Amino acid sequence: MVAKKKEKNVLVIDVGGTNVKMLATGADSRIKIPSGKEMRAEEMVEEVMAAAVAAGWDYDVISLGVPCVVKGERIQKEPVNLGKGWVGYDFEEAFGCPVKLVNDAALQAYGCYEGGTMLFLGFGTGLGTALVVNGTMVPMEAGHLPYRKANKTLEDYVGKDGRERLGDEGWLKHSFRIIKLLRHAFCADDLVIGGGNAVDLDPFPRGARVVDNSAAFVGGFRLWDEV
C-alpha cells in the first residue's frame, strides 16, 4: 500500500510598495502589513513571521512575490518602491523553510491565467507587467520602459506618483495609451488588469478583465501544486 503524500501548507506573501499582503492555507482572511520605501527585506521577514505566529498560522513552504526583477528565483535589482537589502538576501534561511521567489506581477498573473497568451498589467504603486504563455510565466519589467521623455518611464505616468502629479484626467489619458501600446506589442489573447487602481479605469478597456489582489494568493498556491 502506497502512503498518501502529505499536502503542503503554503504561506503566500505578496509584497507591494504600499502593503505586504499574506495568506496561509486554510486561513479565513488575509493579513495586511504596511510597507513603503523604507522597508528592508529583513524587516519584511520579521514582521511577516510575527504576524503569522500571532494568527496561529502553520506553514511548510512559502510563495513570495516581490516588486522587482527576479531571475532564477534571485532578486537582481533593489525594488524601486521599497528599501534596500533585497538583492542577495537569503529568504529560505531567514524563514527556515523552502521559498519560491517570483516577481509580484507574475504571481498575480499566474493566479488568473486561463489559457493562451495572457498579458497582466498591475496598476498600483507602480506598473506591474507579466506574460503567461501556454502555461509558462514570463516576468517582465515593461513598466520601466522609457515613455515620452528620456528620463521618464511608463510607471512614472501611471503609477501612484504619476497619478498624483498628473491628476485623474491626465492619469487616465496615459493609462489608456499605455494599455493599448502594451496590448498590441505583446499580441495578447487575454488582457487582465489588476492592482488597486484598476477599478478607476473608466471606461474599462474593451475585452479586458479585472482582477483584485487576491489573484496573487491563487498564484502562490498554484506554484506549489503538484499536478
C-alpha atoms as a PDB file:
ATOM      1  CA  MET A   1       0.000   0.000   0.000  1.00  0.00           C
ATOM      2  CA  VAL A   2       1.369   3.387  -1.017  1.00  0.00           C
ATOM      3  CA  ALA A   3       1.259   6.005   1.734  1.00  0.00           C
ATOM      4  CA  LYS A   4      -0.682   9.150   0.899  1.00  0.00           C
ATOM      5  CA  LYS A   5       1.606  12.141   0.400  1.00  0.00           C
ATOM      6  CA  LYS A   6       1.087  14.925   2.909  1.00  0.00           C
ATOM      7  CA  GLU A   7      -0.143  18.149   1.322  1.00  0.00           C
ATOM      8  CA  LYS A   8       1.992  21.213   1.921  1.00  0.00           C
ATOM      9  CA  ASN A   9       0.684  24.135   3.946  1.00  0.00           C
ATOM     10  CA  VAL A  10       1.601  27.217   1.932  1.00  0.00           C
ATOM     11  CA  LEU A  11       2.137  30.783   3.116  1.00  0.00           C
ATOM     12  CA  VAL A  12       1.711  33.264   0.253  1.00  0.00           C
ATOM     13  CA  ILE A  13       3.353  36.671   0.672  1.00  0.00           C
ATOM     14  CA  ASP A  14       2.585  39.439  -1.834  1.00  0.00           C
ATOM     15  CA  VAL A  15       4.990  42.332  -1.240  1.00  0.00           C
ATOM     16  CA  GLY A  16       3.820  45.665  -2.661  1.00  0.00           C
ATOM     17  CA  GLY A  17       5.099  49.198  -2.467  1.00  0.00           C
ATOM     18  CA  THR A  18       2.286  50.186  -0.087  1.00  0.00           C
ATOM     19  CA  ASN A  19       1.400  46.974   1.762  1.00  0.00           C
ATOM     20  CA  VAL A  20       2.528  43.394   2.297  1.00  0.00           C
ATOM     21  CA  LYS A  21      -0.417  41.001   1.947  1.00  0.00           C
ATOM     22  CA  MET A  22      -0.246  37.433   3.250  1.00  0.00           C
ATOM     23  CA  LEU A  23      -2.491  34.366   3.398  1.00  0.00           C
ATOM     24  CA  ALA A  24      -1.891  30.787   4.529  1.00  0.00           C
ATOM     25  CA  THR A  25      -3.502  27.501   3.575  1.00  0.00           C
ATOM     26  CA  GLY A  26      -6.778  27.137   5.450  1.00  0.00           C
ATOM     27  CA  ALA A  27      -6.864  30.737   6.728  1.00  0.00           C
ATOM     28  CA  ASP A  28     -10.176  32.581   6.610  1.00  0.00           C
ATOM     29  CA  SER A  29      -8.776  36.005   5.779  1.00  0.00           C
ATOM     30  CA  ARG A  30      -5.553  37.689   4.727  1.00  0.00           C
ATOM     31  CA  ILE A  31      -3.259  39.858   6.837  1.00  0.00           C
ATOM     32  CA  LYS A  32      -2.015  43.235   5.625  1.00  0.00           C
ATOM     33  CA  ILE A  33       1.173  44.959   6.827  1.00  0.00           C
ATOM     34  CA  PRO A  34       2.228  48.483   5.727  1.00  0.00           C
ATOM     35  CA  SER A  35       5.411  48.518   3.641  1.00  0.00           C
ATOM     36  CA  GLY A  36       6.761  51.648   1.895  1.00  0.00           C
ATOM     37  CA  LYS A  37      10.073  52.986   0.615  1.00  0.00           C
ATOM     38  CA  GLU A  38      11.940  52.311   3.860  1.00  0.00           C
ATOM     39  CA  MET A  39      11.045  48.627   4.260  1.00  0.00           C
ATOM     40  CA  ARG A  40      14.110  46.380   4.070  1.00  0.00           C
ATOM     41  CA  ALA A  41      13.983  42.646   3.310  1.00  0.00           C
ATOM     42  CA  GLU A  42      14.958  41.735   6.877  1.00  0.00           C
ATOM     43  CA  GLU A  43      12.202  43.935   8.300  1.00  0.00           C
ATOM     44  CA  MET A  44       9.606  42.348   5.996  1.00  0.00           C
ATOM     45  CA  VAL A  45      10.582  38.841   7.108  1.00  0.00           C
ATOM     46  CA  GLU A  46      10.449  39.765  10.802  1.00  0.00           C
ATOM     47  CA  GLU A  47       7.022  41.391  10.513  1.00  0.00           C
ATOM     48  CA  VAL A  48       5.566  38.564   8.414  1.00  0.00           C
ATOM     49  CA  MET A  49       6.804  35.881  10.811  1.00  0.00           C
ATOM     50  CA  ALA A  50       5.468  37.783  13.824  1.00  0.00           C
ATOM     51  CA  ALA A  51       2.065  38.231  12.151  1.00  0.00           C
ATOM     52  CA  ALA A  52       1.896  34.549  11.162  1.00  0.00           C
ATOM     53  CA  VAL A  53       2.691  33.456  14.725  1.00  0.00           C
ATOM     54  CA  ALA A  54       0.076  35.837  16.146  1.00  0.00           C
ATOM     55  CA  ALA A  55      -2.524  34.435  13.731  1.00  0.00           C
ATOM     56  CA  GLY A  56      -1.611  30.845  14.606  1.00  0.00           C
ATOM     57  CA  TRP A  57      -0.742  30.017  11.007  1.00  0.00           C
ATOM     58  CA  ASP A  58       1.158  26.808  10.295  1.00  0.00           C
ATOM     59  CA  TYR A  59       3.089  26.584   7.009  1.00  0.00           C
ATOM     60  CA  ASP A  60       5.660  24.282   5.420  1.00  0.00           C
ATOM     61  CA  VAL A  61       6.612  26.329   2.356  1.00  0.00           C
ATOM     62  CA  ILE A  62       6.350  29.917   1.109  1.00  0.00           C
ATOM     63  CA  SER A  63       5.458  31.633  -2.156  1.00  0.00           C
ATOM     64  CA  LEU A  64       6.946  35.123  -2.178  1.00  0.00           C
ATOM     65  CA  GLY A  65       6.157  37.828  -4.743  1.00  0.00           C
ATOM     66  CA  VAL A  66       8.351  40.950  -4.782  1.00  0.00           C
ATOM     67  CA  PRO A  67       8.075  44.128  -6.930  1.00  0.00           C
ATOM     68  CA  CYS A  68      11.438  43.921  -8.672  1.00  0.00           C
ATOM     69  CA  VAL A  69      13.452  41.962 -11.221  1.00  0.00           C
ATOM     70  CA  VAL A  70      13.642  38.253 -10.308  1.00  0.00           C
ATOM     71  CA  LYS A  71      15.646  35.734 -12.358  1.00  0.00           C
ATOM     72  CA  GLY A  72      16.153  32.140 -11.325  1.00  0.00           C
ATOM     73  CA  GLU A  73      14.414  32.917  -8.007  1.00  0.00           C
ATOM     74  CA  ARG A  74      17.036  35.566  -7.223  1.00  0.00           C
ATOM     75  CA  ILE A  75      16.427  39.298  -6.923  1.00  0.00           C
ATOM     76  CA  GLN A  76      18.572  41.100  -9.492  1.00  0.00           C
ATOM     77  CA  LYS A  77      17.924  44.735  -8.566  1.00  0.00           C
ATOM     78  CA  GLU A  78      16.720  46.601  -5.494  1.00  0.00           C
ATOM     79  CA  PRO A  79      12.970  47.397  -5.642  1.00  0.00           C
ATOM     80  CA  VAL A  80      12.125  50.952  -6.699  1.00  0.00           C
ATOM     81  CA  ASN A  81       9.288  51.341  -4.175  1.00  0.00           C
ATOM     82  CA  LEU A  82      10.882  49.613  -1.149  1.00  0.00           C
ATOM     83  CA  GLY A  83      14.012  49.995   0.978  1.00  0.00           C
ATOM     84  CA  LYS A  84      17.412  48.363   0.483  1.00  0.00           C
ATOM     85  CA  GLY A  85      18.822  44.952   1.333  1.00  0.00           C
ATOM     86  CA  TRP A  86      16.762  42.784  -1.037  1.00  0.00           C
ATOM     87  CA  VAL A  87      19.481  41.757  -3.503  1.00  0.00           C
ATOM     88  CA  GLY A  88      21.295  38.655  -2.245  1.00  0.00           C
ATOM     89  CA  TYR A  89      19.021  38.190   0.769  1.00  0.00           C
ATOM     90  CA  ASP A  90      18.550  34.521   1.697  1.00  0.00           C
ATOM     91  CA  PHE A  91      14.815  34.197   2.297  1.00  0.00           C
ATOM     92  CA  GLU A  92      14.924  30.419   2.809  1.00  0.00           C
ATOM     93  CA  GLU A  93      17.434  30.767   5.626  1.00  0.00           C
ATOM     94  CA  ALA A  94      15.521  33.660   7.172  1.00  0.00           C
ATOM     95  CA  PHE A  95      12.134  31.906   7.074  1.00  0.00           C
ATOM     96  CA  GLY A  96      13.559  28.467   7.798  1.00  0.00           C
ATOM     97  CA  CYS A  97      11.636  26.704   5.026  1.00  0.00           C
ATOM     98  CA  PRO A  98      11.589  26.333   1.215  1.00  0.00           C
ATOM     99  CA  VAL A  99      10.683  29.565  -0.621  1.00  0.00           C
ATOM    100  CA  LYS A 100       9.606  30.061  -4.235  1.00  0.00           C
ATOM    101  CA  LEU A 101      10.501  33.628  -5.178  1.00  0.00           C
ATOM    102  CA  VAL A 102       8.898  35.382  -8.167  1.00  0.00           C
ATOM    103  CA  ASN A 103       8.044  38.878  -9.341  1.00  0.00           C
ATOM    104  CA  ASP A 104       4.816  40.128  -7.732  1.00  0.00           C
ATOM    105  CA  ALA A 105       3.078  40.816 -11.060  1.00  0.00           C
ATOM    106  CA  ALA A 106       3.968  37.310 -12.248  1.00  0.00           C
ATOM    107  CA  LEU A 107       2.441  35.902  -9.063  1.00  0.00           C
ATOM    108  CA  GLN A 108      -0.844  37.711  -9.752  1.00  0.00           C
ATOM    109  CA  ALA A 109      -0.762  36.778 -13.419  1.00  0.00           C
ATOM    110  CA  TYR A 110      -0.305  33.088 -12.631  1.00  0.00           C
ATOM    111  CA  GLY A 111      -3.304  33.249 -10.323  1.00  0.00           C
ATOM    112  CA  CYS A 112      -5.744  34.434 -13.012  1.00  0.00           C
ATOM    113  CA  TYR A 113      -4.387  32.599 -16.056  1.00  0.00           C
ATOM    114  CA  GLU A 114      -6.967  30.743 -18.149  1.00  0.00           C
ATOM    115  CA  GLY A 115      -5.000  29.774 -21.267  1.00  0.00           C
ATOM    116  CA  GLY A 116      -3.274  31.063 -24.390  1.00  0.00           C
ATOM    117  CA  THR A 117      -1.154  34.218 -24.207  1.00  0.00           C
ATOM    118  CA  MET A 118      -2.213  36.419 -21.314  1.00  0.00           C
ATOM    119  CA  LEU A 119      -0.852  39.875 -20.543  1.00  0.00           C
ATOM    120  CA  PHE A 120      -1.195  41.074 -16.960  1.00  0.00           C
ATOM    121  CA  LEU A 121      -0.908  44.763 -16.065  1.00  0.00           C
ATOM    122  CA  GLY A 122      -0.921  45.799 -12.420  1.00  0.00           C
ATOM    123  CA  PHE A 123      -1.954  49.402 -11.786  1.00  0.00           C
ATOM    124  CA  GLY A 124      -0.839  50.019  -8.208  1.00  0.00           C
ATOM    125  CA  THR A 125       2.086  51.804  -6.584  1.00  0.00           C
ATOM    126  CA  GLY A 126       3.940  51.219  -9.861  1.00  0.00           C
ATOM    127  CA  LEU A 127       3.088  49.329 -13.060  1.00  0.00           C
ATOM    128  CA  GLY A 128       3.495  45.576 -12.793  1.00  0.00           C
ATOM    129  CA  THR A 129       3.754  43.587 -16.020  1.00  0.00           C
ATOM    130  CA  ALA A 130       3.838  39.861 -16.777  1.00  0.00           C
ATOM    131  CA  LEU A 131       3.037  37.402 -19.542  1.00  0.00           C
ATOM    132  CA  VAL A 132       1.831  33.838 -19.225  1.00  0.00           C
ATOM    133  CA  VAL A 133       2.308  31.915 -22.481  1.00  0.00           C
ATOM    134  CA  ASN A 134       0.857  28.415 -22.762  1.00  0.00           C
ATOM    135  CA  GLY A 135       1.124  27.979 -19.005  1.00  0.00           C
ATOM    136  CA  THR A 136       4.658  29.357 -18.657  1.00  0.00           C
ATOM    137  CA  MET A 137       5.232  32.503 -16.597  1.00  0.00           C
ATOM    138  CA  VAL A 138       7.252  35.238 -18.319  1.00  0.00           C
ATOM    139  CA  PRO A 139       8.034  38.002 -15.784  1.00  0.00           C
ATOM    140  CA  MET A 140       8.734  41.408 -17.311  1.00  0.00           C
ATOM    141  CA  GLU A 141       9.774  44.899 -16.265  1.00  0.00           C
ATOM    142  CA  ALA A 142       7.940  46.725 -19.046  1.00  0.00           C
ATOM    143  CA  GLY A 143       6.825  49.374 -16.577  1.00  0.00           C
ATOM    144  CA  HIS A 144      10.382  50.718 -16.629  1.00  0.00           C
ATOM    145  CA  LEU A 145      10.477  51.217 -20.397  1.00  0.00           C
ATOM    146  CA  PRO A 146      11.088  54.863 -21.432  1.00  0.00           C
ATOM    147  CA  TYR A 147       7.994  56.876 -22.235  1.00  0.00           C
ATOM    148  CA  ARG A 148       7.644  60.358 -23.755  1.00  0.00           C
ATOM    149  CA  LYS A 149      10.709  61.864 -22.061  1.00  0.00           C
ATOM    150  CA  ALA A 150      14.183  60.322 -21.852  1.00  0.00           C
ATOM    151  CA  ASN A 151      14.196  60.290 -18.045  1.00  0.00           C
ATOM    152  CA  LYS A 152      10.608  59.082 -17.622  1.00  0.00           C
ATOM    153  CA  THR A 153       9.126  55.586 -17.773  1.00  0.00           C
ATOM    154  CA  LEU A 154       5.669  54.083 -18.260  1.00  0.00           C
ATOM    155  CA  GLU A 155       5.479  53.670 -14.495  1.00  0.00           C
ATOM    156  CA  ASP A 156       6.234  57.351 -13.941  1.00  0.00           C
ATOM    157  CA  TYR A 157       2.974  58.190 -15.710  1.00  0.00           C
ATOM    158  CA  VAL A 158       0.580  55.522 -14.457  1.00  0.00           C
ATOM    159  CA  GLY A 159       1.971  54.621 -11.024  1.00  0.00           C
ATOM    160  CA  LYS A 160       0.922  56.216  -7.747  1.00  0.00           C
ATOM    161  CA  ASP A 161       3.331  59.161  -8.042  1.00  0.00           C
ATOM    162  CA  GLY A 162       2.327  59.758 -11.649  1.00  0.00           C
ATOM    163  CA  ARG A 163      -1.342  59.897 -10.753  1.00  0.00           C
ATOM    164  CA  GLU A 164      -0.668  62.441  -8.019  1.00  0.00           C
ATOM    165  CA  ARG A 165       1.381  64.564 -10.421  1.00  0.00           C
ATOM    166  CA  LEU A 166      -0.951  64.364 -13.437  1.00  0.00           C
ATOM    167  CA  GLY A 167      -4.315  64.288 -11.706  1.00  0.00           C
ATOM    168  CA  ASP A 168      -7.032  61.759 -12.513  1.00  0.00           C
ATOM    169  CA  GLU A 169      -7.729  63.067 -16.025  1.00  0.00           C
ATOM    170  CA  GLY A 170      -4.087  63.005 -17.094  1.00  0.00           C
ATOM    171  CA  TRP A 171      -3.544  59.634 -15.423  1.00  0.00           C
ATOM    172  CA  LEU A 172      -6.480  58.127 -17.317  1.00  0.00           C
ATOM    173  CA  LYS A 173      -5.290  59.513 -20.651  1.00  0.00           C
ATOM    174  CA  HIS A 174      -1.830  57.990 -20.312  1.00  0.00           C
ATOM    175  CA  SER A 175      -3.171  54.765 -18.791  1.00  0.00           C
ATOM    176  CA  PHE A 176      -5.358  54.091 -21.833  1.00  0.00           C
ATOM    177  CA  ARG A 177      -2.483  54.900 -24.198  1.00  0.00           C
ATOM    178  CA  ILE A 178      -0.092  52.572 -22.392  1.00  0.00           C
ATOM    179  CA  ILE A 179      -2.623  49.733 -22.146  1.00  0.00           C
ATOM    180  CA  LYS A 180      -3.209  49.946 -25.910  1.00  0.00           C
ATOM    181  CA  LEU A 181       0.538  50.090 -26.596  1.00  0.00           C
ATOM    182  CA  LEU A 182       1.435  47.040 -24.480  1.00  0.00           C
ATOM    183  CA  ARG A 183      -1.572  45.008 -25.581  1.00  0.00           C
ATOM    184  CA  HIS A 184      -0.552  45.455 -29.215  1.00  0.00           C
ATOM    185  CA  ALA A 185       3.172  44.901 -28.579  1.00  0.00           C
ATOM    186  CA  PHE A 186       2.720  41.521 -26.844  1.00  0.00           C
ATOM    187  CA  CYS A 187      -0.087  40.172 -29.080  1.00  0.00           C
ATOM    188  CA  ALA A 188      -2.111  39.090 -26.051  1.00  0.00           C
ATOM    189  CA  ASP A 189      -5.164  36.865 -26.454  1.00  0.00           C
ATOM    190  CA  ASP A 190      -6.263  37.804 -22.955  1.00  0.00           C
ATOM    191  CA  LEU A 191      -5.686  41.116 -21.159  1.00  0.00           C
ATOM    192  CA  VAL A 192      -6.022  41.143 -17.385  1.00  0.00           C
ATOM    193  CA  ILE A 193      -5.726  44.314 -15.330  1.00  0.00           C
ATOM    194  CA  GLY A 194      -5.188  44.261 -11.579  1.00  0.00           C
ATOM    195  CA  GLY A 195      -3.815  46.429  -8.805  1.00  0.00           C
ATOM    196  CA  GLY A 196      -5.514  48.897  -6.517  1.00  0.00           C
ATOM    197  CA  ASN A 197      -6.142  51.475  -9.269  1.00  0.00           C
ATOM    198  CA  ALA A 198      -7.593  49.081 -11.847  1.00  0.00           C
ATOM    199  CA  VAL A 199     -11.164  49.835 -10.775  1.00  0.00           C
ATOM    200  CA  ASP A 200     -10.629  53.526 -11.583  1.00  0.00           C
ATOM    201  CA  LEU A 201     -10.064  52.865 -15.296  1.00  0.00           C
ATOM    202  CA  ASP A 202     -13.298  54.296 -16.665  1.00  0.00           C
ATOM    203  CA  PRO A 203     -14.410  53.272 -19.220  1.00  0.00           C
ATOM    204  CA  PHE A 204     -12.736  49.933 -18.622  1.00  0.00           C
ATOM    205  CA  PRO A 205     -10.802  48.726 -21.704  1.00  0.00           C
ATOM    206  CA  ARG A 206     -12.970  46.654 -24.018  1.00  0.00           C
ATOM    207  CA  GLY A 207     -12.243  42.938 -23.999  1.00  0.00           C
ATOM    208  CA  ALA A 208     -10.122  43.128 -20.832  1.00  0.00           C
ATOM    209  CA  ARG A 209     -10.998  41.669 -17.459  1.00  0.00           C
ATOM    210  CA  VAL A 210     -10.268  42.996 -13.994  1.00  0.00           C
ATOM    211  CA  VAL A 211      -8.984  41.020 -11.003  1.00  0.00           C
ATOM    212  CA  ASP A 212      -8.337  42.067  -7.434  1.00  0.00           C
ATOM    213  CA  ASN A 213      -5.194  41.411  -5.392  1.00  0.00           C
ATOM    214  CA  SER A 214      -6.495  38.024  -4.255  1.00  0.00           C
ATOM    215  CA  ALA A 215      -5.242  36.634  -7.581  1.00  0.00           C
ATOM    216  CA  ALA A 216      -1.740  36.716  -6.078  1.00  0.00           C
ATOM    217  CA  PHE A 217      -2.825  34.227  -3.412  1.00  0.00           C
ATOM    218  CA  VAL A 218      -4.261  31.876  -6.026  1.00  0.00           C
ATOM    219  CA  GLY A 219      -0.982  32.148  -7.937  1.00  0.00           C
ATOM    220  CA  GLY A 220       1.033  31.475  -4.809  1.00  0.00           C
ATOM    221  CA  PHE A 221      -0.898  28.304  -4.022  1.00  0.00           C
ATOM    222  CA  ARG A 222      -0.609  27.188  -7.652  1.00  0.00           C
ATOM    223  CA  LEU A 223       3.192  27.452  -7.504  1.00  0.00           C
ATOM    224  CA  TRP A 224       3.237  24.526  -5.085  1.00  0.00           C
ATOM    225  CA  ASP A 225       0.547  22.431  -6.789  1.00  0.00           C
ATOM    226  CA  GLU A 226       1.880  19.021  -7.772  1.00  0.00           C
ATOM    227  CA  VAL A 227      -0.301  18.028 -10.709  1.00  0.00           C
END
